[in-house]
Amino acid sequence: MTEQQAGRDLDALSYEELVAELESLTRRMASGEIGIEEATDLYEQAGAVHAKAVERLDRVRARIEKLAPPPTEPKPFS
């Protein structure tokens, strides 16, 4: 799978699916049952998944901020 294909596949995943994929990759790396080369590949994949999840979360956060009313200044006590 090329990096470009992987990017398109990640674009199709929801934030929750990205988190689940990251957890799966982390479990595989932590298992101790893989070689150094596979661990490196998984680490690179996890980095890409993490970056996509952060991007998605930032986009949602920006949308929410647009929907939230602007903060009001507190009124002084009379």
PDB file of N, CA and C in Angstrom:
ATOM      1  N   MET A   1       0.849  -1.168   0.000  1.00  0.00           N
ATOM      2  CA  MET A   1       0.000   0.000   0.000  1.00  0.00           C
ATOM      3  C   MET A   1       0.902   1.240   0.000  1.00  0.00           C
ATOM      4  N   THR A   2       0.670   2.152  -0.952  1.00  0.00           N
ATOM      5  CA  THR A   2       1.468   3.361  -1.000  1.00  0.00           C
ATOM      6  C   THR A   2       0.995   4.341   0.056  1.00  0.00           C
ATOM      7  N   GLU A   3       1.827   5.342   0.339  1.00  0.00           N
ATOM      8  CA  GLU A   3       1.453   6.359   1.335  1.00  0.00           C
ATOM      9  C   GLU A   3       0.189   7.089   0.895  1.00  0.00           C
ATOM     10  N   GLN A   4       0.073   7.363  -0.411  1.00  0.00           N
ATOM     11  CA  GLN A   4      -1.108   8.059  -0.913  1.00  0.00           C
ATOM     12  C   GLN A   4      -2.362   7.203  -0.723  1.00  0.00           C
ATOM     13  N   GLN A   5      -2.277   5.891  -0.992  1.00  0.00           N
ATOM     14  CA  GLN A   5      -3.426   5.008  -0.783  1.00  0.00           C
ATOM     15  C   GLN A   5      -3.789   4.955   0.694  1.00  0.00           C
ATOM     16  N   ALA A   6      -2.786   4.874   1.553  1.00  0.00           N
ATOM     17  CA  ALA A   6      -3.042   4.840   2.990  1.00  0.00           C
ATOM     18  C   ALA A   6      -3.739   6.110   3.432  1.00  0.00           C
ATOM     19  N   GLY A   7      -3.325   7.260   2.889  1.00  0.00           N
ATOM     20  CA  GLY A   7      -3.960   8.531   3.228  1.00  0.00           C
ATOM     21  C   GLY A   7      -5.425   8.554   2.847  1.00  0.00           C
ATOM     22  N   ARG A   8      -5.733   8.020   1.679  1.00  0.00           N
ATOM     23  CA  ARG A   8      -7.142   7.971   1.258  1.00  0.00           C
ATOM     24  C   ARG A   8      -7.933   7.038   2.160  1.00  0.00           C
ATOM     25  N   ASP A   9      -7.346   5.908   2.531  1.00  0.00           N
ATOM     26  CA  ASP A   9      -8.041   4.976   3.415  1.00  0.00           C
ATOM     27  C   ASP A   9      -8.319   5.636   4.763  1.00  0.00           C
ATOM     28  N   LEU A  10      -7.362   6.389   5.291  1.00  0.00           N
ATOM     29  CA  LEU A  10      -7.552   7.066   6.570  1.00  0.00           C
ATOM     30  C   LEU A  10      -8.621   8.142   6.457  1.00  0.00           C
ATOM     31  N   ASP A  11      -8.706   8.802   5.308  1.00  0.00           N
ATOM     32  CA  ASP A  11      -9.730   9.828   5.111  1.00  0.00           C
ATOM     33  C   ASP A  11     -11.138   9.254   5.218  1.00  0.00           C
ATOM     34  N   ALA A  12     -11.280   7.978   4.895  1.00  0.00           N
ATOM     35  CA  ALA A  12     -12.597   7.339   4.921  1.00  0.00           C
ATOM     36  C   ALA A  12     -13.034   6.945   6.333  1.00  0.00           C
ATOM     37  N   LEU A  13     -12.099   6.954   7.288  1.00  0.00           N
ATOM     38  CA  LEU A  13     -12.418   6.511   8.647  1.00  0.00           C
ATOM     39  C   LEU A  13     -12.947   7.653   9.502  1.00  0.00           C
ATOM     40  N   SER A  14     -13.862   7.329  10.392  1.00  0.00           N
ATOM     41  CA  SER A  14     -14.345   8.309  11.363  1.00  0.00           C
ATOM     42  C   SER A  14     -13.289   8.495  12.446  1.00  0.00           C
ATOM     43  N   TYR A  15     -13.457   9.517  13.256  1.00  0.00           N
ATOM     44  CA  TYR A  15     -12.520   9.752  14.356  1.00  0.00           C
ATOM     45  C   TYR A  15     -12.458   8.526  15.266  1.00  0.00           C
ATOM     46  N   GLU A  16     -13.603   7.964  15.578  1.00  0.00           N
ATOM     47  CA  GLU A  16     -13.652   6.793  16.455  1.00  0.00           C
ATOM     48  C   GLU A  16     -12.938   5.601  15.840  1.00  0.00           C
ATOM     49  N   GLU A  17     -13.078   5.429  14.530  1.00  0.00           N
ATOM     50  CA  GLU A  17     -12.379   4.342  13.844  1.00  0.00           C
ATOM     51  C   GLU A  17     -10.863   4.580  13.839  1.00  0.00           C
ATOM     52  N   LEU A  18     -10.462   5.833  13.699  1.00  0.00           N
ATOM     53  CA  LEU A  18      -9.034   6.166  13.751  1.00  0.00           C
ATOM     54  C   LEU A  18      -8.458   5.831  15.123  1.00  0.00           C
ATOM     55  N   VAL A  19      -9.191   6.161  16.179  1.00  0.00           N
ATOM     56  CA  VAL A  19      -8.728   5.850  17.537  1.00  0.00           C
ATOM     57  C   VAL A  19      -8.625   4.344  17.724  1.00  0.00           C
ATOM     58  N   ALA A  20      -9.612   3.606  17.241  1.00  0.00           N
ATOM     59  CA  ALA A  20      -9.585   2.144  17.356  1.00  0.00           C
ATOM     60  C   ALA A  20      -8.390   1.570  16.593  1.00  0.00           C
ATOM     61  N   GLU A  21      -8.098   2.107  15.424  1.00  0.00           N
ATOM     62  CA  GLU A  21      -6.945   1.647  14.638  1.00  0.00           C
ATOM     63  C   GLU A  21      -5.643   1.945  15.381  1.00  0.00           C
ATOM     64  N   LEU A  22      -5.566   3.122  15.971  1.00  0.00           N
ATOM     65  CA  LEU A  22      -4.371   3.485  16.739  1.00  0.00           C
ATOM     66  C   LEU A  22      -4.187   2.551  17.934  1.00  0.00           C
ATOM     67  N   GLU A  23      -5.278   2.223  18.616  1.00  0.00           N
ATOM     68  CA  GLU A  23      -5.207   1.282  19.738  1.00  0.00           C
ATOM     69  C   GLU A  23      -4.753  -0.102  19.270  1.00  0.00           C
ATOM     70  N   SER A  24      -5.249  -0.536  18.119  1.00  0.00           N
ATOM     71  CA  SER A  24      -4.866  -1.836  17.574  1.00  0.00           C
ATOM     72  C   SER A  24      -3.375  -1.867  17.234  1.00  0.00           C
ATOM     73  N   LEU A  25      -2.904  -0.818  16.585  1.00  0.00           N
ATOM     74  CA  LEU A  25      -1.482  -0.745  16.252  1.00  0.00           C
ATOM     75  C   LEU A  25      -0.632  -0.744  17.514  1.00  0.00           C
ATOM     76  N   THR A  26      -1.053  -0.021  18.519  1.00  0.00           N
ATOM     77  CA  THR A  26      -0.311   0.063  19.780  1.00  0.00           C
ATOM     78  C   THR A  26      -0.237  -1.303  20.455  1.00  0.00           C
ATOM     79  N   ARG A  27      -1.365  -2.021  20.460  1.00  0.00           N
ATOM     80  CA  ARG A  27      -1.369  -3.373  21.054  1.00  0.00           C
ATOM     81  C   ARG A  27      -0.408  -4.292  20.324  1.00  0.00           C
ATOM     82  N   ARG A  28      -0.399  -4.219  18.995  1.00  0.00           N
ATOM     83  CA  ARG A  28       0.501  -5.079  18.218  1.00  0.00           C
ATOM     84  C   ARG A  28       1.958  -4.754  18.518  1.00  0.00           C
ATOM     85  N   MET A  29       2.271  -3.467  18.626  1.00  0.00           N
ATOM     86  CA  MET A  29       3.653  -3.086  18.923  1.00  0.00           C
ATOM     87  C   MET A  29       4.049  -3.513  20.331  1.00  0.00           C
ATOM     88  N   ALA A  30       3.132  -3.429  21.275  1.00  0.00           N
ATOM     89  CA  ALA A  30       3.426  -3.743  22.672  1.00  0.00           C
ATOM     90  C   ALA A  30       3.458  -5.248  22.934  1.00  0.00           C
ATOM     91  N   SER A  31       2.977  -6.044  21.990  1.00  0.00           N
ATOM     92  CA  SER A  31       2.887  -7.488  22.212  1.00  0.00           C
ATOM     93  C   SER A  31       4.257  -8.142  22.369  1.00  0.00           C
ATOM     94  N   GLY A  32       5.278  -7.543  21.794  1.00  0.00           N
ATOM     95  CA  GLY A  32       6.604  -8.137  21.859  1.00  0.00           C
ATOM     96  C   GLY A  32       6.779  -9.327  20.935  1.00  0.00           C
ATOM     97  N   GLU A  33       5.787  -9.597  20.107  1.00  0.00           N
ATOM     98  CA  GLU A  33       5.830 -10.757  19.227  1.00  0.00           C
ATOM     99  C   GLU A  33       6.163 -10.392  17.785  1.00  0.00           C
ATOM    100  N   ILE A  34       6.677  -9.191  17.562  1.00  0.00           N
ATOM    101  CA  ILE A  34       7.008  -8.761  16.213  1.00  0.00           C
ATOM    102  C   ILE A  34       8.476  -8.349  16.159  1.00  0.00           C
ATOM    103  N   GLY A  35       9.015  -8.391  14.968  1.00  0.00           N
ATOM    104  CA  GLY A  35      10.404  -8.000  14.777  1.00  0.00           C
ATOM    105  C   GLY A  35      10.551  -6.490  14.704  1.00  0.00           C
ATOM    106  N   ILE A  36      11.784  -6.048  14.714  1.00  0.00           N
ATOM    107  CA  ILE A  36      12.087  -4.627  14.725  1.00  0.00           C
ATOM    108  C   ILE A  36      11.600  -3.931  13.453  1.00  0.00           C
ATOM    109  N   GLU A  37      11.697  -4.606  12.321  1.00  0.00           N
ATOM    110  CA  GLU A  37      11.250  -3.997  11.062  1.00  0.00           C
ATOM    111  C   GLU A  37       9.735  -3.817  11.044  1.00  0.00           C
ATOM    112  N   GLU A  38       9.013  -4.839  11.489  1.00  0.00           N
ATOM    113  CA  GLU A  38       7.550  -4.722  11.544  1.00  0.00           C
ATOM    114  C   GLU A  38       7.151  -3.676  12.572  1.00  0.00           C
ATOM    115  N   ALA A  39       7.860  -3.625  13.686  1.00  0.00           N
ATOM    116  CA  ALA A  39       7.561  -2.620  14.705  1.00  0.00           C
ATOM    117  C   ALA A  39       7.754  -1.212  14.144  1.00  0.00           C
ATOM    118  N   THR A  40       8.799  -1.039  13.343  1.00  0.00           N
ATOM    119  CA  THR A  40       9.053   0.265  12.728  1.00  0.00           C
ATOM    120  C   THR A  40       7.945   0.628  11.748  1.00  0.00           C
ATOM    121  N   ASP A  41       7.519  -0.344  10.945  1.00  0.00           N
ATOM    122  CA  ASP A  41       6.404  -0.108  10.016  1.00  0.00           C
ATOM    123  C   ASP A  41       5.140   0.283  10.776  1.00  0.00           C
ATOM    124  N   LEU A  42       4.850  -0.451  11.857  1.00  0.00           N
ATOM    125  CA  LEU A  42       3.664  -0.153  12.646  1.00  0.00           C
ATOM    126  C   LEU A  42       3.764   1.226  13.291  1.00  0.00           C
ATOM    127  N   TYR A  43       4.963   1.586  13.734  1.00  0.00           N
ATOM    128  CA  TYR A  43       5.173   2.898  14.343  1.00  0.00           C
ATOM    129  C   TYR A  43       4.893   4.005  13.329  1.00  0.00           C
ATOM    130  N   GLU A  44       5.357   3.827  12.100  1.00  0.00           N
ATOM    131  CA  GLU A  44       5.079   4.798  11.045  1.00  0.00           C
ATOM    132  C   GLU A  44       3.588   4.885  10.757  1.00  0.00           C
ATOM    133  N   GLN A  45       2.924   3.738  10.701  1.00  0.00           N
ATOM    134  CA  GLN A  45       1.480   3.725  10.468  1.00  0.00           C
ATOM    135  C   GLN A  45       0.747   4.432  11.605  1.00  0.00           C
ATOM    136  N   ALA A  46       1.168   4.166  12.827  1.00  0.00           N
ATOM    137  CA  ALA A  46       0.537   4.794  13.989  1.00  0.00           C
ATOM    138  C   ALA A  46       0.711   6.308  13.932  1.00  0.00           C
ATOM    139  N   GLY A  47       1.871   6.775  13.481  1.00  0.00           N
ATOM    140  CA  GLY A  47       2.094   8.210  13.345  1.00  0.00           C
ATOM    141  C   GLY A  47       1.128   8.839  12.357  1.00  0.00           C
ATOM    142  N   ALA A  48       0.903   8.159  11.237  1.00  0.00           N
ATOM    143  CA  ALA A  48      -0.021   8.668  10.225  1.00  0.00           C
ATOM    144  C   ALA A  48      -1.453   8.670  10.751  1.00  0.00           C
ATOM    145  N   VAL A  49      -1.835   7.610  11.441  1.00  0.00           N
ATOM    146  CA  VAL A  49      -3.186   7.526  12.008  1.00  0.00           C
ATOM    147  C   VAL A  49      -3.378   8.610  13.061  1.00  0.00           C
ATOM    148  N   HIS A  50      -2.392   8.791  13.912  1.00  0.00           N
ATOM    149  CA  HIS A  50      -2.469   9.819  14.956  1.00  0.00           C
ATOM    150  C   HIS A  50      -2.619  11.209  14.333  1.00  0.00           C
ATOM    151  N   ALA A  51      -1.822  11.496  13.315  1.00  0.00           N
ATOM    152  CA  ALA A  51      -1.896  12.802  12.654  1.00  0.00           C
ATOM    153  C   ALA A  51      -3.271  13.036  12.050  1.00  0.00           C
ATOM    154  N   LYS A  52      -3.845  12.009  11.437  1.00  0.00           N
ATOM    155  CA  LYS A  52      -5.175  12.142  10.837  1.00  0.00           C
ATOM    156  C   LYS A  52      -6.238  12.342  11.918  1.00  0.00           C
ATOM    157  N   ALA A  53      -6.105  11.641  13.049  1.00  0.00           N
ATOM    158  CA  ALA A  53      -7.067  11.797  14.143  1.00  0.00           C
ATOM    159  C   ALA A  53      -6.990  13.214  14.729  1.00  0.00           C
ATOM    160  N   VAL A  54      -5.792  13.736  14.900  1.00  0.00           N
ATOM    161  CA  VAL A  54      -5.625  15.099  15.425  1.00  0.00           C
ATOM    162  C   VAL A  54      -6.221  16.110  14.443  1.00  0.00           C
ATOM    163  N   GLU A  55      -5.965  15.899  13.156  1.00  0.00           N
ATOM    164  CA  GLU A  55      -6.526  16.781  12.129  1.00  0.00           C
ATOM    165  C   GLU A  55      -8.055  16.772  12.194  1.00  0.00           C
ATOM    166  N   ARG A  56      -8.617  15.582  12.298  1.00  0.00           N
ATOM    167  CA  ARG A  56     -10.073  15.454  12.361  1.00  0.00           C
ATOM    168  C   ARG A  56     -10.625  16.127  13.613  1.00  0.00           C
ATOM    169  N   LEU A  57      -9.971  15.921  14.743  1.00  0.00           N
ATOM    170  CA  LEU A  57     -10.414  16.517  16.000  1.00  0.00           C
ATOM    171  C   LEU A  57     -10.316  18.045  15.948  1.00  0.00           C
ATOM    172  N   ASP A  58      -9.254  18.566  15.379  1.00  0.00           N
ATOM    173  CA  ASP A  58      -9.100  20.021  15.240  1.00  0.00           C
ATOM    174  C   ASP A  58     -10.204  20.611  14.366  1.00  0.00           C
ATOM    175  N   ARG A  59     -10.544  19.894  13.296  1.00  0.00           N
ATOM    176  CA  ARG A  59     -11.611  20.360  12.406  1.00  0.00           C
ATOM    177  C   ARG A  59     -12.951  20.407  13.133  1.00  0.00           C
ATOM    178  N   VAL A  60     -13.237  19.394  13.920  1.00  0.00           N
ATOM    179  CA  VAL A  60     -14.495  19.358  14.677  1.00  0.00           C
ATOM    180  C   VAL A  60     -14.498  20.456  15.746  1.00  0.00           C
ATOM    181  N   ARG A  61     -13.366  20.634  16.416  1.00  0.00           N
ATOM    182  CA  ARG A  61     -13.257  21.678  17.442  1.00  0.00           C
ATOM    183  C   ARG A  61     -13.533  23.063  16.831  1.00  0.00           C
ATOM    184  N   ALA A  62     -13.010  23.320  15.651  1.00  0.00           N
ATOM    185  CA  ALA A  62     -13.230  24.600  14.976  1.00  0.00           C
ATOM    186  C   ALA A  62     -14.711  24.778  14.631  1.00  0.00           C
ATOM    187  N   ARG A  63     -15.355  23.717  14.189  1.00  0.00           N
ATOM    188  CA  ARG A  63     -16.793  23.794  13.888  1.00  0.00           C
ATOM    189  C   ARG A  63     -17.593  24.106  15.132  1.00  0.00           C
ATOM    190  N   ILE A  64     -17.236  23.478  16.247  1.00  0.00           N
ATOM    191  CA  ILE A  64     -17.955  23.695  17.500  1.00  0.00           C
ATOM    192  C   ILE A  64     -17.764  25.137  17.967  1.00  0.00           C
ATOM    193  N   GLU A  65     -16.553  25.647  17.842  1.00  0.00           N
ATOM    194  CA  GLU A  65     -16.291  27.019  18.255  1.00  0.00           C
ATOM    195  C   GLU A  65     -17.108  28.015  17.441  1.00  0.00           C
ATOM    196  N   LYS A  66     -17.346  27.721  16.166  1.00  0.00           N
ATOM    197  CA  LYS A  66     -18.177  28.589  15.333  1.00  0.00           C
ATOM    198  C   LYS A  66     -19.633  28.569  15.798  1.00  0.00           C
ATOM    199  N   LEU A  67     -20.074  27.442  16.321  1.00  0.00           N
ATOM    200  CA  LEU A  67     -21.461  27.301  16.758  1.00  0.00           C
ATOM    201  C   LEU A  67     -21.712  27.895  18.141  1.00  0.00           C
ATOM    202  N   ALA A  68     -20.682  27.955  18.954  1.00  0.00           N
ATOM    203  CA  ALA A  68     -20.832  28.437  20.336  1.00  0.00           C
ATOM    204  C   ALA A  68     -21.033  29.942  20.327  1.00  0.00           C
ATOM    205  N   PRO A  69     -21.900  30.433  21.206  1.00  0.00           N
ATOM    206  CA  PRO A  69     -22.086  31.890  21.290  1.00  0.00           C
ATOM    207  C   PRO A  69     -20.822  32.539  21.841  1.00  0.00           C
ATOM    208  N   PRO A  70     -20.575  33.785  21.456  1.00  0.00           N
ATOM    209  CA  PRO A  70     -19.382  34.456  21.980  1.00  0.00           C
ATOM    210  C   PRO A  70     -19.504  34.645  23.491  1.00  0.00           C
ATOM    211  N   PRO A  71     -18.388  34.606  24.198  1.00  0.00           N
ATOM    212  CA  PRO A  71     -18.453  34.784  25.649  1.00  0.00           C
ATOM    213  C   PRO A  71     -18.914  36.213  25.986  1.00  0.00           C
ATOM    214  N   THR A  72     -19.656  36.303  27.057  1.00  0.00           N
ATOM    215  CA  THR A  72     -20.118  37.613  27.503  1.00  0.00           C
ATOM    216  C   THR A  72     -19.311  38.039  28.717  1.00  0.00           C
ATOM    217  N   GLU A  73     -19.180  39.335  28.860  1.00  0.00           N
ATOM    218  CA  GLU A  73     -18.454  39.846  30.017  1.00  0.00           C
ATOM    219  C   GLU A  73     -19.397  39.836  31.216  1.00  0.00           C
ATOM    220  N   PRO A  74     -18.869  39.468  32.372  1.00  0.00           N
ATOM    221  CA  PRO A  74     -19.731  39.452  33.569  1.00  0.00           C
ATOM    222  C   PRO A  74     -20.179  40.863  33.930  1.00  0.00           C
ATOM    223  N   LYS A  75     -21.403  40.957  34.403  1.00  0.00           N
ATOM    224  CA  LYS A  75     -21.966  42.246  34.823  1.00  0.00           C
ATOM    225  C   LYS A  75     -21.501  42.536  36.252  1.00  0.00           C
ATOM    226  N   PRO A  76     -21.153  43.786  36.514  1.00  0.00           N
ATOM    227  CA  PRO A  76     -20.740  44.117  37.883  1.00  0.00           C
ATOM    228  C   PRO A  76     -21.917  44.008  38.846  1.00  0.00           C
ATOM    229  N   PHE A  77     -21.599  43.670  40.096  1.00  0.00           N
ATOM    230  CA  PHE A  77     -22.638  43.602  41.114  1.00  0.00           C
ATOM    231  C   PHE A  77     -23.106  45.004  41.432  1.00  0.00           C
ATOM    232  N   SER A  78     -24.417  45.171  41.627  1.00  0.00           N
ATOM    233  CA  SER A  78     -24.963  46.493  41.974  1.00  0.00           C
ATOM    234  C   SER A  78     -25.243  46.588  43.440  1.00  0.00           C
TER     235      SER A  78
END
